[in-house]
Amino acid sequence: MAKVLIQEGIQRLDSSALRGTNEDSSIKNREQFISALEAQQTRRLRGAPRRFKLLRPGN
C-alpha cells in the first residue's frame, strides 16, 4: 500500500512538473527522492497487532 501511495505522489509531482518551466531540476529532485526512498531499510513492527474497538452510535 505504501508503494502505491509513493507512486501516486510521484505521478502528482510529474504532472505538476509538466506545468512548470524547470523540468531539469524537478526531474533531478524526483530522482533523488526515489533513490532516497529505495535506499531506506524496511522496518519491522514490534509486538503483536493491537485490536481496535469500534463503538457503534446508539448503543
C-alpha atoms as a PDB file:
ATOM      1  CA  MET A   1       0.000   0.000   0.000  1.00  0.00           C
ATOM      2  CA  ALA A   2       2.834   2.382   0.814  1.00  0.00           C
ATOM      3  CA  LYS A   3       4.376   1.712  -2.572  1.00  0.00           C
ATOM      4  CA  VAL A   4       1.107   2.676  -4.278  1.00  0.00           C
ATOM      5  CA  LEU A   5       0.938   5.919  -2.297  1.00  0.00           C
ATOM      6  CA  ILE A   6       4.521   6.729  -3.236  1.00  0.00           C
ATOM      7  CA  GLN A   7       3.779   6.057  -6.903  1.00  0.00           C
ATOM      8  CA  GLU A   8       0.712   8.313  -6.767  1.00  0.00           C
ATOM      9  CA  GLY A   9       2.793  11.056  -5.181  1.00  0.00           C
ATOM     10  CA  ILE A  10       5.412  10.721  -7.893  1.00  0.00           C
ATOM     11  CA  GLN A  11       2.708  10.937 -10.563  1.00  0.00           C
ATOM     12  CA  ARG A  12       1.431  14.143  -8.958  1.00  0.00           C
ATOM     13  CA  LEU A  13       4.960  15.542  -8.964  1.00  0.00           C
ATOM     14  CA  ASP A  14       5.280  14.633 -12.631  1.00  0.00           C
ATOM     15  CA  SER A  15       2.016  16.320 -13.542  1.00  0.00           C
ATOM     16  CA  SER A  16       2.961  19.473 -11.644  1.00  0.00           C
ATOM     17  CA  ALA A  17       6.431  19.425 -13.212  1.00  0.00           C
ATOM     18  CA  LEU A  18       4.897  19.412 -16.680  1.00  0.00           C
ATOM     19  CA  ARG A  19       3.166  22.672 -15.862  1.00  0.00           C
ATOM     20  CA  GLY A  20       6.386  24.281 -14.563  1.00  0.00           C
ATOM     21  CA  THR A  21       9.351  25.565 -16.532  1.00  0.00           C
ATOM     22  CA  ASN A  22      12.171  23.979 -14.515  1.00  0.00           C
ATOM     23  CA  GLU A  23      11.828  20.424 -15.795  1.00  0.00           C
ATOM     24  CA  ASP A  24      15.516  19.565 -15.362  1.00  0.00           C
ATOM     25  CA  SER A  25      15.583  20.497 -11.686  1.00  0.00           C
ATOM     26  CA  SER A  26      12.266  18.764 -10.971  1.00  0.00           C
ATOM     27  CA  ILE A  27      13.440  15.581 -12.682  1.00  0.00           C
ATOM     28  CA  LYS A  28      16.675  15.680 -10.704  1.00  0.00           C
ATOM     29  CA  ASN A  29      14.759  16.238  -7.446  1.00  0.00           C
ATOM     30  CA  ARG A  30      12.397  13.383  -8.302  1.00  0.00           C
ATOM     31  CA  GLU A  31      15.286  11.012  -8.996  1.00  0.00           C
ATOM     32  CA  GLN A  32      16.952  11.963  -5.705  1.00  0.00           C
ATOM     33  CA  PHE A  33      13.663  11.428  -3.871  1.00  0.00           C
ATOM     34  CA  ILE A  34      13.147   7.993  -5.425  1.00  0.00           C
ATOM     35  CA  SER A  35      16.713   6.871  -4.714  1.00  0.00           C
ATOM     36  CA  ALA A  36      16.469   8.062  -1.098  1.00  0.00           C
ATOM     37  CA  LEU A  37      13.253   6.095  -0.583  1.00  0.00           C
ATOM     38  CA  GLU A  38      14.663   2.966  -2.186  1.00  0.00           C
ATOM     39  CA  ALA A  39      17.819   3.197  -0.048  1.00  0.00           C
ATOM     40  CA  GLN A  40      15.827   3.053   3.195  1.00  0.00           C
ATOM     41  CA  GLN A  41      15.715  -0.225   5.058  1.00  0.00           C
ATOM     42  CA  THR A  42      12.334  -1.814   5.741  1.00  0.00           C
ATOM     43  CA  ARG A  43      11.349  -1.644   9.383  1.00  0.00           C
ATOM     44  CA  ARG A  44       9.696  -4.445  11.275  1.00  0.00           C
ATOM     45  CA  LEU A  45       6.822  -3.699  13.602  1.00  0.00           C
ATOM     46  CA  ARG A  46       7.341  -4.650  17.221  1.00  0.00           C
ATOM     47  CA  GLY A  47       4.840  -6.720  19.119  1.00  0.00           C
ATOM     48  CA  ALA A  48       1.522  -8.217  18.166  1.00  0.00           C
ATOM     49  CA  PRO A  49      -1.007  -6.118  16.289  1.00  0.00           C
ATOM     50  CA  ARG A  50      -3.481  -4.320  18.517  1.00  0.00           C
ATOM     51  CA  ARG A  51      -7.203  -4.699  18.040  1.00  0.00           C
ATOM     52  CA  PHE A  52      -9.479  -1.716  17.701  1.00  0.00           C
ATOM     53  CA  LYS A  53     -12.803  -1.499  19.478  1.00  0.00           C
ATOM     54  CA  LEU A  54     -15.366   0.024  17.173  1.00  0.00           C
ATOM     55  CA  LEU A  55     -18.132   1.785  19.045  1.00  0.00           C
ATOM     56  CA  ARG A  56     -21.410   1.973  17.196  1.00  0.00           C
ATOM     57  CA  PRO A  57     -23.527   5.061  17.726  1.00  0.00           C
ATOM     58  CA  GLY A  58     -26.747   4.485  19.635  1.00  0.00           C
ATOM     59  CA  ASN A  59     -25.564   1.540  21.748  1.00  0.00           C
END
